[in-house]
Amino acid sequence: EALASGAACDGESEEFAASLREQLFLLDDDFDELAYVRHRVAEERFDQSQLGLVITPTLGCNFSCHYCFEDKAAGVISQANQDQLLAFAASQLPGRRHLSVQWFGGEPLEALEAIEYLSRGLLRLAEAAGATYAATIITNGYRLSGDVARNLAALGVTTAQISIDGDRDLHDRTRHEAGSAGS
């Protein structure tokens, strides 16, 4: 309470409060949050030091969730489109310090070979440009075995976001493999 109100604190508490203010966990009454957010959005929108790509290697999915907005079209990004994507990244990357990729889908692990091919190419491009590389994946997790996770980690995927719809009963009612009763 003393930290939030700004009341006198001992040295250690004041240092802690200063750290909280610096990280924006505590805000002064006159801090304009909306102006701060607008500034950060504008700053990030026009930041040319990094290239961010969201890649959907397939709209296909092994689940048939009733609420999904994807059309679940079978098929994987063509080799020609993969090569065009790599050419685009190569044209955009020079002068940038970081390349970030988010794998998305349908279920991106349904197109693991495309993820592997593109990741190897993007890693080479980042290295050649002197840029760092990091990737994330949004997946239903069904095909995320230990071997697949180790393979993805070796390809620069540092984070996997896995959605779960509540407890087992609720999850199995809403998220299940096509033609199956649960996941």
N, C-alpha and C. Protein backbone atom coordinates (compact mmCIF):
# COMPACT_ATOMS: atom_id res chain seq x y z
N GLU A 1 0.83 -1.20 0.00
CA GLU A 1 0.00 0.00 0.00
C GLU A 1 0.87 1.25 0.00
N ALA A 2 1.92 1.22 0.81
CA ALA A 2 2.82 2.36 0.86
C ALA A 2 3.48 2.59 -0.49
N LEU A 3 3.80 1.51 -1.20
CA LEU A 3 4.41 1.64 -2.52
C LEU A 3 3.47 2.33 -3.50
N ALA A 4 2.22 1.90 -3.52
CA ALA A 4 1.25 2.46 -4.46
C ALA A 4 0.94 3.91 -4.15
N SER A 5 0.87 4.27 -2.86
CA SER A 5 0.49 5.63 -2.50
C SER A 5 1.65 6.60 -2.55
N GLY A 6 2.87 6.07 -2.65
CA GLY A 6 4.03 6.95 -2.67
C GLY A 6 4.45 7.38 -1.28
N ALA A 7 3.87 6.78 -0.24
CA ALA A 7 4.24 7.12 1.13
C ALA A 7 5.69 6.76 1.37
N ALA A 8 6.26 7.33 2.40
CA ALA A 8 7.66 7.11 2.73
C ALA A 8 7.92 5.62 2.91
N CYS A 9 9.02 5.15 2.34
CA CYS A 9 9.40 3.75 2.41
C CYS A 9 10.87 3.69 2.81
N ASP A 10 11.30 2.54 3.28
CA ASP A 10 12.73 2.38 3.52
C ASP A 10 13.44 2.28 2.17
N GLY A 11 14.75 2.30 2.18
CA GLY A 11 15.53 2.32 0.93
C GLY A 11 15.25 1.15 0.03
N GLU A 12 15.15 -0.05 0.61
CA GLU A 12 14.89 -1.25 -0.20
C GLU A 12 13.51 -1.19 -0.84
N SER A 13 12.51 -0.75 -0.09
CA SER A 13 11.15 -0.64 -0.64
C SER A 13 11.09 0.41 -1.72
N GLU A 14 11.80 1.52 -1.53
CA GLU A 14 11.78 2.58 -2.54
C GLU A 14 12.46 2.10 -3.82
N GLU A 15 13.53 1.33 -3.67
CA GLU A 15 14.21 0.76 -4.85
C GLU A 15 13.26 -0.19 -5.58
N PHE A 16 12.52 -0.99 -4.83
CA PHE A 16 11.54 -1.90 -5.41
C PHE A 16 10.45 -1.12 -6.13
N ALA A 17 9.95 -0.06 -5.49
CA ALA A 17 8.90 0.77 -6.10
C ALA A 17 9.41 1.42 -7.38
N ALA A 18 10.66 1.89 -7.37
CA ALA A 18 11.23 2.50 -8.57
C ALA A 18 11.31 1.48 -9.70
N SER A 19 11.67 0.24 -9.35
CA SER A 19 11.72 -0.82 -10.35
C SER A 19 10.33 -1.09 -10.92
N LEU A 20 9.33 -1.11 -10.06
CA LEU A 20 7.96 -1.33 -10.53
C LEU A 20 7.49 -0.20 -11.43
N ARG A 21 7.86 1.04 -11.09
CA ARG A 21 7.49 2.17 -11.95
C ARG A 21 8.19 2.08 -13.31
N GLU A 22 9.47 1.73 -13.28
CA GLU A 22 10.24 1.62 -14.51
C GLU A 22 9.63 0.59 -15.45
N GLN A 23 9.11 -0.51 -14.91
CA GLN A 23 8.50 -1.57 -15.71
C GLN A 23 7.01 -1.34 -15.95
N LEU A 24 6.50 -0.21 -15.49
CA LEU A 24 5.11 0.22 -15.67
C LEU A 24 4.10 -0.67 -14.93
N PHE A 25 4.54 -1.28 -13.84
CA PHE A 25 3.59 -1.99 -12.97
C PHE A 25 2.92 -1.03 -12.02
N LEU A 26 3.61 0.04 -11.66
CA LEU A 26 3.05 1.14 -10.88
C LEU A 26 3.10 2.38 -11.74
N LEU A 27 2.01 3.14 -11.77
CA LEU A 27 1.96 4.35 -12.58
C LEU A 27 1.61 5.54 -11.71
N ASP A 28 2.26 6.66 -12.01
CA ASP A 28 1.91 7.90 -11.33
C ASP A 28 0.54 8.34 -11.81
N ASP A 29 -0.17 9.10 -10.98
CA ASP A 29 -1.53 9.55 -11.32
C ASP A 29 -1.57 10.35 -12.62
N ASP A 30 -0.50 11.07 -12.93
CA ASP A 30 -0.51 11.91 -14.13
C ASP A 30 0.04 11.20 -15.37
N PHE A 31 0.30 9.89 -15.26
CA PHE A 31 0.81 9.13 -16.41
C PHE A 31 -0.32 8.93 -17.41
N ASP A 32 -0.10 9.31 -18.66
CA ASP A 32 -1.11 9.20 -19.72
C ASP A 32 -0.92 7.86 -20.44
N GLU A 33 -1.65 6.85 -19.99
CA GLU A 33 -1.51 5.51 -20.54
C GLU A 33 -1.86 5.46 -22.02
N LEU A 34 -2.92 6.12 -22.41
CA LEU A 34 -3.34 6.10 -23.81
C LEU A 34 -2.28 6.71 -24.71
N ALA A 35 -1.70 7.83 -24.30
CA ALA A 35 -0.64 8.45 -25.10
C ALA A 35 0.58 7.54 -25.18
N TYR A 36 0.88 6.86 -24.09
CA TYR A 36 2.02 5.94 -24.08
C TYR A 36 1.79 4.79 -25.06
N VAL A 37 0.59 4.21 -25.03
CA VAL A 37 0.29 3.10 -25.93
C VAL A 37 0.32 3.57 -27.38
N ARG A 38 -0.25 4.72 -27.66
CA ARG A 38 -0.22 5.26 -29.03
C ARG A 38 1.22 5.45 -29.51
N HIS A 39 2.05 5.98 -28.63
CA HIS A 39 3.45 6.20 -28.98
C HIS A 39 4.14 4.88 -29.28
N ARG A 40 3.94 3.86 -28.43
CA ARG A 40 4.58 2.56 -28.63
C ARG A 40 4.10 1.89 -29.93
N VAL A 41 2.80 1.99 -30.23
CA VAL A 41 2.28 1.40 -31.46
C VAL A 41 2.91 2.08 -32.68
N ALA A 42 2.97 3.40 -32.66
CA ALA A 42 3.57 4.14 -33.78
C ALA A 42 5.04 3.80 -33.91
N GLU A 43 5.73 3.72 -32.79
CA GLU A 43 7.15 3.39 -32.79
C GLU A 43 7.38 2.01 -33.40
N GLU A 44 6.60 1.03 -32.98
CA GLU A 44 6.76 -0.33 -33.49
C GLU A 44 6.32 -0.46 -34.94
N ARG A 45 5.27 0.28 -35.32
CA ARG A 45 4.77 0.20 -36.69
C ARG A 45 5.83 0.66 -37.69
N PHE A 46 6.60 1.66 -37.30
CA PHE A 46 7.57 2.22 -38.24
C PHE A 46 9.00 1.78 -37.94
N ASP A 47 9.15 0.80 -37.06
CA ASP A 47 10.47 0.28 -36.72
C ASP A 47 10.97 -0.56 -37.89
N GLN A 48 12.01 -0.11 -38.52
CA GLN A 48 12.57 -0.81 -39.67
C GLN A 48 13.72 -1.75 -39.28
N SER A 49 13.98 -1.89 -37.97
CA SER A 49 15.10 -2.73 -37.56
C SER A 49 14.76 -4.21 -37.57
N GLN A 50 13.49 -4.52 -37.70
CA GLN A 50 13.11 -5.93 -37.72
C GLN A 50 12.06 -6.21 -38.79
N LEU A 51 12.08 -7.45 -39.21
CA LEU A 51 11.10 -7.94 -40.18
C LEU A 51 10.29 -9.02 -39.48
N GLY A 52 8.99 -8.86 -39.43
CA GLY A 52 8.12 -9.85 -38.83
C GLY A 52 7.23 -10.49 -39.88
N LEU A 53 7.20 -11.81 -39.89
CA LEU A 53 6.38 -12.55 -40.86
C LEU A 53 5.43 -13.48 -40.11
N VAL A 54 4.18 -13.50 -40.51
CA VAL A 54 3.22 -14.50 -40.06
C VAL A 54 2.99 -15.41 -41.25
N ILE A 55 3.34 -16.68 -41.07
CA ILE A 55 3.30 -17.61 -42.20
C ILE A 55 2.28 -18.71 -41.91
N THR A 56 1.37 -18.90 -42.85
CA THR A 56 0.35 -19.94 -42.76
C THR A 56 0.69 -21.00 -43.81
N PRO A 57 1.39 -22.06 -43.40
CA PRO A 57 1.78 -23.05 -44.40
C PRO A 57 0.64 -23.94 -44.87
N THR A 58 -0.47 -23.94 -44.13
CA THR A 58 -1.67 -24.68 -44.54
C THR A 58 -2.87 -24.13 -43.79
N LEU A 59 -4.03 -24.21 -44.43
CA LEU A 59 -5.29 -23.93 -43.73
C LEU A 59 -5.93 -25.23 -43.25
N GLY A 60 -5.35 -26.34 -43.68
CA GLY A 60 -5.85 -27.64 -43.25
C GLY A 60 -5.62 -27.84 -41.77
N CYS A 61 -6.46 -28.70 -41.18
CA CYS A 61 -6.37 -28.95 -39.75
C CYS A 61 -6.85 -30.37 -39.46
N ASN A 62 -6.25 -30.98 -38.47
CA ASN A 62 -6.66 -32.31 -38.04
C ASN A 62 -7.82 -32.27 -37.06
N PHE A 63 -8.21 -31.10 -36.60
CA PHE A 63 -9.35 -30.94 -35.70
C PHE A 63 -10.55 -30.43 -36.49
N SER A 64 -11.71 -30.54 -35.89
CA SER A 64 -12.91 -29.98 -36.51
C SER A 64 -13.68 -29.20 -35.45
N CYS A 65 -13.06 -28.15 -34.94
CA CYS A 65 -13.67 -27.32 -33.91
C CYS A 65 -14.83 -26.53 -34.53
N HIS A 66 -15.96 -26.54 -33.87
CA HIS A 66 -17.16 -25.91 -34.43
C HIS A 66 -17.03 -24.40 -34.58
N TYR A 67 -16.16 -23.77 -33.82
CA TYR A 67 -16.06 -22.31 -33.84
C TYR A 67 -14.94 -21.79 -34.75
N CYS A 68 -14.21 -22.68 -35.38
CA CYS A 68 -13.05 -22.26 -36.16
C CYS A 68 -13.48 -21.43 -37.37
N PHE A 69 -12.74 -20.35 -37.61
CA PHE A 69 -13.04 -19.48 -38.74
C PHE A 69 -12.32 -19.90 -40.01
N GLU A 70 -11.38 -20.82 -39.92
CA GLU A 70 -10.65 -21.26 -41.09
C GLU A 70 -11.52 -22.17 -41.95
N ASP A 71 -11.27 -22.16 -43.26
CA ASP A 71 -12.08 -23.00 -44.14
C ASP A 71 -11.57 -24.44 -44.21
N LYS A 72 -10.46 -24.72 -43.55
CA LYS A 72 -9.89 -26.06 -43.45
C LYS A 72 -9.58 -26.68 -44.82
N ALA A 73 -9.28 -25.83 -45.78
CA ALA A 73 -8.93 -26.33 -47.10
C ALA A 73 -7.67 -27.17 -47.00
N ALA A 74 -7.74 -28.35 -47.53
CA ALA A 74 -6.58 -29.24 -47.52
C ALA A 74 -5.50 -28.65 -48.42
N GLY A 75 -4.31 -29.06 -48.20
CA GLY A 75 -3.20 -28.62 -49.04
C GLY A 75 -2.20 -27.82 -48.24
N VAL A 76 -1.01 -27.77 -48.80
CA VAL A 76 0.13 -27.11 -48.18
C VAL A 76 0.64 -26.06 -49.14
N ILE A 77 1.23 -25.01 -48.62
CA ILE A 77 1.81 -23.97 -49.45
C ILE A 77 2.71 -24.62 -50.51
N SER A 78 2.56 -24.22 -51.74
CA SER A 78 3.30 -24.84 -52.84
C SER A 78 4.79 -24.51 -52.74
N GLN A 79 5.59 -25.34 -53.37
CA GLN A 79 7.04 -25.10 -53.40
C GLN A 79 7.33 -23.75 -54.04
N ALA A 80 6.61 -23.41 -55.09
CA ALA A 80 6.81 -22.12 -55.76
C ALA A 80 6.52 -20.97 -54.80
N ASN A 81 5.44 -21.07 -54.03
CA ASN A 81 5.12 -20.01 -53.07
C ASN A 81 6.12 -19.96 -51.93
N GLN A 82 6.63 -21.13 -51.51
CA GLN A 82 7.68 -21.14 -50.49
C GLN A 82 8.90 -20.38 -50.99
N ASP A 83 9.29 -20.65 -52.22
CA ASP A 83 10.46 -19.98 -52.79
C ASP A 83 10.21 -18.48 -52.97
N GLN A 84 8.98 -18.11 -53.33
CA GLN A 84 8.64 -16.69 -53.43
C GLN A 84 8.71 -16.01 -52.07
N LEU A 85 8.27 -16.71 -51.04
CA LEU A 85 8.33 -16.17 -49.68
C LEU A 85 9.78 -15.95 -49.26
N LEU A 86 10.65 -16.91 -49.56
CA LEU A 86 12.07 -16.75 -49.23
C LEU A 86 12.68 -15.58 -50.02
N ALA A 87 12.30 -15.43 -51.27
CA ALA A 87 12.79 -14.32 -52.08
C ALA A 87 12.31 -12.99 -51.50
N PHE A 88 11.06 -12.95 -51.05
CA PHE A 88 10.53 -11.73 -50.43
C PHE A 88 11.33 -11.40 -49.17
N ALA A 89 11.54 -12.40 -48.32
CA ALA A 89 12.29 -12.17 -47.09
C ALA A 89 13.71 -11.69 -47.42
N ALA A 90 14.33 -12.29 -48.42
CA ALA A 90 15.68 -11.88 -48.82
C ALA A 90 15.70 -10.43 -49.28
N SER A 91 14.65 -9.99 -49.94
CA SER A 91 14.60 -8.61 -50.43
C SER A 91 14.32 -7.60 -49.31
N GLN A 92 13.67 -8.03 -48.25
CA GLN A 92 13.28 -7.14 -47.16
C GLN A 92 14.27 -7.13 -45.99
N LEU A 93 15.11 -8.13 -45.88
CA LEU A 93 15.95 -8.31 -44.70
C LEU A 93 17.20 -7.44 -44.63
N PRO A 94 17.85 -7.10 -45.74
CA PRO A 94 19.07 -6.31 -45.62
C PRO A 94 18.87 -5.02 -44.80
N GLY A 95 19.81 -4.80 -43.88
CA GLY A 95 19.75 -3.61 -43.02
C GLY A 95 18.94 -3.81 -41.75
N ARG A 96 18.28 -4.95 -41.62
CA ARG A 96 17.49 -5.19 -40.41
C ARG A 96 18.29 -6.03 -39.43
N ARG A 97 17.99 -5.86 -38.15
CA ARG A 97 18.73 -6.57 -37.11
C ARG A 97 18.05 -7.84 -36.64
N HIS A 98 16.76 -8.01 -36.94
CA HIS A 98 16.04 -9.16 -36.40
C HIS A 98 14.96 -9.63 -37.39
N LEU A 99 14.81 -10.94 -37.47
CA LEU A 99 13.73 -11.57 -38.25
C LEU A 99 12.91 -12.41 -37.29
N SER A 100 11.63 -12.13 -37.22
CA SER A 100 10.75 -12.95 -36.37
C SER A 100 9.66 -13.56 -37.24
N VAL A 101 9.33 -14.80 -36.91
CA VAL A 101 8.35 -15.56 -37.68
C VAL A 101 7.34 -16.14 -36.71
N GLN A 102 6.08 -16.08 -37.10
CA GLN A 102 5.03 -16.77 -36.35
C GLN A 102 4.36 -17.75 -37.32
N TRP A 103 4.39 -19.03 -36.94
CA TRP A 103 3.74 -20.07 -37.74
C TRP A 103 2.30 -20.18 -37.27
N PHE A 104 1.38 -20.17 -38.22
CA PHE A 104 -0.03 -20.11 -37.93
C PHE A 104 -0.75 -21.00 -38.92
N GLY A 105 -2.01 -21.25 -38.72
CA GLY A 105 -2.74 -22.06 -39.68
C GLY A 105 -4.23 -21.93 -39.50
N GLY A 106 -4.89 -22.83 -40.04
CA GLY A 106 -5.24 -24.18 -39.77
C GLY A 106 -4.37 -24.69 -38.64
N GLU A 107 -3.79 -25.81 -38.89
CA GLU A 107 -2.84 -26.42 -37.95
C GLU A 107 -1.49 -26.49 -38.66
N PRO A 108 -0.56 -25.59 -38.30
CA PRO A 108 0.69 -25.53 -39.04
C PRO A 108 1.50 -26.83 -39.02
N LEU A 109 1.35 -27.64 -37.98
CA LEU A 109 2.12 -28.89 -37.94
C LEU A 109 1.63 -29.90 -38.97
N GLU A 110 0.50 -29.63 -39.61
CA GLU A 110 0.06 -30.46 -40.74
C GLU A 110 0.96 -30.21 -41.96
N ALA A 111 1.78 -29.18 -41.89
CA ALA A 111 2.69 -28.84 -42.99
C ALA A 111 4.12 -28.76 -42.47
N LEU A 112 4.51 -29.72 -41.66
CA LEU A 112 5.82 -29.70 -41.01
C LEU A 112 6.97 -29.62 -42.02
N GLU A 113 6.86 -30.32 -43.14
CA GLU A 113 7.94 -30.26 -44.14
C GLU A 113 8.12 -28.85 -44.68
N ALA A 114 7.03 -28.13 -44.89
CA ALA A 114 7.13 -26.75 -45.37
C ALA A 114 7.75 -25.86 -44.29
N ILE A 115 7.38 -26.08 -43.04
CA ILE A 115 7.97 -25.31 -41.94
C ILE A 115 9.47 -25.56 -41.89
N GLU A 116 9.86 -26.82 -42.05
CA GLU A 116 11.30 -27.15 -42.02
C GLU A 116 12.04 -26.48 -43.17
N TYR A 117 11.50 -26.58 -44.37
CA TYR A 117 12.15 -25.99 -45.54
C TYR A 117 12.27 -24.47 -45.39
N LEU A 118 11.16 -23.84 -45.06
CA LEU A 118 11.16 -22.39 -44.93
C LEU A 118 12.05 -21.94 -43.77
N SER A 119 12.00 -22.65 -42.66
CA SER A 119 12.83 -22.27 -41.51
C SER A 119 14.31 -22.33 -41.86
N ARG A 120 14.74 -23.40 -42.51
CA ARG A 120 16.14 -23.50 -42.90
C ARG A 120 16.53 -22.33 -43.81
N GLY A 121 15.67 -22.00 -44.76
CA GLY A 121 15.94 -20.87 -45.65
C GLY A 121 15.97 -19.55 -44.93
N LEU A 122 15.02 -19.33 -44.03
CA LEU A 122 14.96 -18.07 -43.29
C LEU A 122 16.14 -17.93 -42.33
N LEU A 123 16.54 -19.04 -41.72
CA LEU A 123 17.73 -19.00 -40.85
C LEU A 123 18.98 -18.63 -41.64
N ARG A 124 19.13 -19.19 -42.84
CA ARG A 124 20.28 -18.85 -43.70
C ARG A 124 20.25 -17.37 -44.07
N LEU A 125 19.06 -16.87 -44.41
CA LEU A 125 18.95 -15.46 -44.79
C LEU A 125 19.29 -14.55 -43.62
N ALA A 126 18.78 -14.88 -42.44
CA ALA A 126 19.06 -14.07 -41.26
C ALA A 126 20.56 -14.06 -40.97
N GLU A 127 21.19 -15.22 -41.03
CA GLU A 127 22.62 -15.30 -40.77
C GLU A 127 23.40 -14.47 -41.79
N ALA A 128 23.03 -14.58 -43.05
CA ALA A 128 23.73 -13.83 -44.10
C ALA A 128 23.57 -12.32 -43.91
N ALA A 129 22.44 -11.91 -43.37
CA ALA A 129 22.18 -10.48 -43.15
C ALA A 129 22.71 -10.00 -41.81
N GLY A 130 23.24 -10.92 -40.99
CA GLY A 130 23.72 -10.54 -39.66
C GLY A 130 22.57 -10.22 -38.71
N ALA A 131 21.42 -10.82 -38.96
CA ALA A 131 20.23 -10.57 -38.14
C ALA A 131 19.99 -11.75 -37.20
N THR A 132 19.39 -11.47 -36.08
CA THR A 132 18.96 -12.55 -35.19
C THR A 132 17.65 -13.12 -35.72
N TYR A 133 17.31 -14.30 -35.24
CA TYR A 133 16.11 -15.00 -35.72
C TYR A 133 15.40 -15.63 -34.54
N ALA A 134 14.10 -15.52 -34.51
CA ALA A 134 13.28 -16.22 -33.53
C ALA A 134 11.94 -16.52 -34.16
N ALA A 135 11.38 -17.67 -33.80
CA ALA A 135 10.08 -18.06 -34.35
C ALA A 135 9.21 -18.62 -33.24
N THR A 136 7.90 -18.48 -33.44
CA THR A 136 6.90 -19.05 -32.54
C THR A 136 5.91 -19.83 -33.39
N ILE A 137 5.14 -20.69 -32.74
CA ILE A 137 4.12 -21.45 -33.45
C ILE A 137 2.85 -21.47 -32.62
N ILE A 138 1.73 -21.30 -33.29
CA ILE A 138 0.42 -21.44 -32.66
C ILE A 138 -0.15 -22.75 -33.18
N THR A 139 -0.39 -23.69 -32.28
CA THR A 139 -0.76 -25.05 -32.66
C THR A 139 -1.80 -25.62 -31.71
N ASN A 140 -2.53 -26.62 -32.18
CA ASN A 140 -3.43 -27.31 -31.25
C ASN A 140 -2.66 -28.33 -30.41
N GLY A 141 -1.40 -28.53 -30.74
CA GLY A 141 -0.51 -29.36 -29.94
C GLY A 141 -0.63 -30.86 -30.15
N TYR A 142 -1.60 -31.29 -30.93
CA TYR A 142 -1.86 -32.71 -31.07
C TYR A 142 -0.67 -33.46 -31.67
N ARG A 143 0.02 -32.83 -32.60
CA ARG A 143 1.16 -33.48 -33.27
C ARG A 143 2.51 -33.01 -32.71
N LEU A 144 2.48 -32.33 -31.58
CA LEU A 144 3.70 -31.78 -31.00
C LEU A 144 4.35 -32.80 -30.06
N SER A 145 4.99 -33.79 -30.65
CA SER A 145 5.70 -34.81 -29.88
C SER A 145 7.05 -34.24 -29.42
N GLY A 146 7.74 -35.00 -28.60
CA GLY A 146 9.08 -34.58 -28.18
C GLY A 146 10.01 -34.40 -29.36
N ASP A 147 9.97 -35.33 -30.30
CA ASP A 147 10.83 -35.23 -31.48
C ASP A 147 10.51 -34.00 -32.32
N VAL A 148 9.22 -33.74 -32.50
CA VAL A 148 8.81 -32.56 -33.28
C VAL A 148 9.25 -31.29 -32.55
N ALA A 149 9.06 -31.24 -31.24
CA ALA A 149 9.46 -30.06 -30.46
C ALA A 149 10.97 -29.84 -30.56
N ARG A 150 11.77 -30.89 -30.46
CA ARG A 150 13.23 -30.75 -30.59
C ARG A 150 13.61 -30.28 -31.99
N ASN A 151 12.94 -30.80 -33.00
CA ASN A 151 13.18 -30.39 -34.38
C ASN A 151 12.85 -28.91 -34.56
N LEU A 152 11.69 -28.49 -34.04
CA LEU A 152 11.31 -27.08 -34.15
C LEU A 152 12.30 -26.18 -33.41
N ALA A 153 12.73 -26.61 -32.23
CA ALA A 153 13.70 -25.82 -31.46
C ALA A 153 15.00 -25.66 -32.25
N ALA A 154 15.43 -26.71 -32.92
CA ALA A 154 16.65 -26.64 -33.73
C ALA A 154 16.47 -25.68 -34.91
N LEU A 155 15.23 -25.44 -35.30
CA LEU A 155 14.91 -24.53 -36.41
C LEU A 155 14.57 -23.12 -35.91
N GLY A 156 14.86 -22.83 -34.65
CA GLY A 156 14.68 -21.48 -34.13
C GLY A 156 13.32 -21.19 -33.53
N VAL A 157 12.44 -22.18 -33.44
CA VAL A 157 11.14 -21.97 -32.81
C VAL A 157 11.34 -21.99 -31.30
N THR A 158 11.13 -20.85 -30.66
CA THR A 158 11.41 -20.72 -29.23
C THR A 158 10.17 -20.85 -28.36
N THR A 159 8.98 -20.70 -28.95
CA THR A 159 7.74 -20.72 -28.17
C THR A 159 6.64 -21.42 -28.96
N ALA A 160 5.86 -22.24 -28.25
CA ALA A 160 4.66 -22.85 -28.84
C ALA A 160 3.47 -22.43 -28.01
N GLN A 161 2.46 -21.85 -28.66
CA GLN A 161 1.21 -21.50 -27.98
C GLN A 161 0.21 -22.60 -28.31
N ILE A 162 -0.28 -23.26 -27.27
CA ILE A 162 -1.23 -24.34 -27.44
C ILE A 162 -2.53 -23.95 -26.75
N SER A 163 -3.61 -23.97 -27.50
CA SER A 163 -4.92 -23.61 -26.95
C SER A 163 -5.59 -24.84 -26.36
N ILE A 164 -6.16 -24.67 -25.19
CA ILE A 164 -6.94 -25.72 -24.54
C ILE A 164 -8.27 -25.11 -24.16
N ASP A 165 -9.35 -25.80 -24.46
CA ASP A 165 -10.69 -25.28 -24.19
C ASP A 165 -11.23 -25.82 -22.87
N GLY A 166 -10.68 -25.39 -21.77
CA GLY A 166 -11.22 -25.77 -20.46
C GLY A 166 -10.73 -27.13 -20.01
N ASP A 167 -11.51 -27.75 -19.11
CA ASP A 167 -11.15 -29.06 -18.58
C ASP A 167 -11.34 -30.12 -19.67
N ARG A 168 -10.98 -31.36 -19.35
CA ARG A 168 -11.01 -32.43 -20.35
C ARG A 168 -12.39 -32.57 -21.00
N ASP A 169 -13.46 -32.58 -20.20
CA ASP A 169 -14.80 -32.77 -20.77
C ASP A 169 -15.18 -31.66 -21.75
N LEU A 170 -14.98 -30.42 -21.34
CA LEU A 170 -15.31 -29.31 -22.23
C LEU A 170 -14.41 -29.32 -23.47
N HIS A 171 -13.13 -29.50 -23.25
CA HIS A 171 -12.18 -29.52 -24.37
C HIS A 171 -12.57 -30.59 -25.39
N ASP A 172 -12.87 -31.79 -24.92
CA ASP A 172 -13.21 -32.88 -25.83
C ASP A 172 -14.54 -32.68 -26.54
N ARG A 173 -15.45 -31.89 -25.95
CA ARG A 173 -16.71 -31.59 -26.64
C ARG A 173 -16.51 -30.58 -27.77
N THR A 174 -15.54 -29.70 -27.62
CA THR A 174 -15.37 -28.63 -28.60
C THR A 174 -14.18 -28.81 -29.53
N ARG A 175 -13.15 -29.53 -29.09
CA ARG A 175 -11.94 -29.67 -29.90
C ARG A 175 -11.60 -31.12 -30.04
N HIS A 176 -11.87 -31.65 -31.20
CA HIS A 176 -11.58 -33.05 -31.42
C HIS A 176 -11.13 -33.27 -32.85
N GLU A 177 -10.43 -34.36 -33.04
CA GLU A 177 -10.01 -34.70 -34.39
C GLU A 177 -11.25 -34.96 -35.24
N ALA A 178 -11.14 -34.66 -36.50
CA ALA A 178 -12.25 -34.93 -37.40
C ALA A 178 -12.64 -36.40 -37.30
N GLY A 179 -13.90 -36.65 -37.02
CA GLY A 179 -14.39 -38.02 -36.92
C GLY A 179 -14.07 -38.70 -35.59
N SER A 180 -13.61 -37.95 -34.61
CA SER A 180 -13.23 -38.53 -33.32
C SER A 180 -14.03 -37.88 -32.21
N ALA A 181 -13.91 -38.43 -31.02
CA ALA A 181 -14.68 -37.93 -29.88
C ALA A 181 -13.90 -37.00 -28.97
N GLY A 182 -12.61 -36.89 -29.11
CA GLY A 182 -11.86 -36.02 -28.21
C GLY A 182 -10.39 -35.96 -28.55
N SER A 183 -9.71 -35.09 -27.86
CA SER A 183 -8.27 -34.91 -28.11
C SER A 183 -7.52 -34.79 -26.81
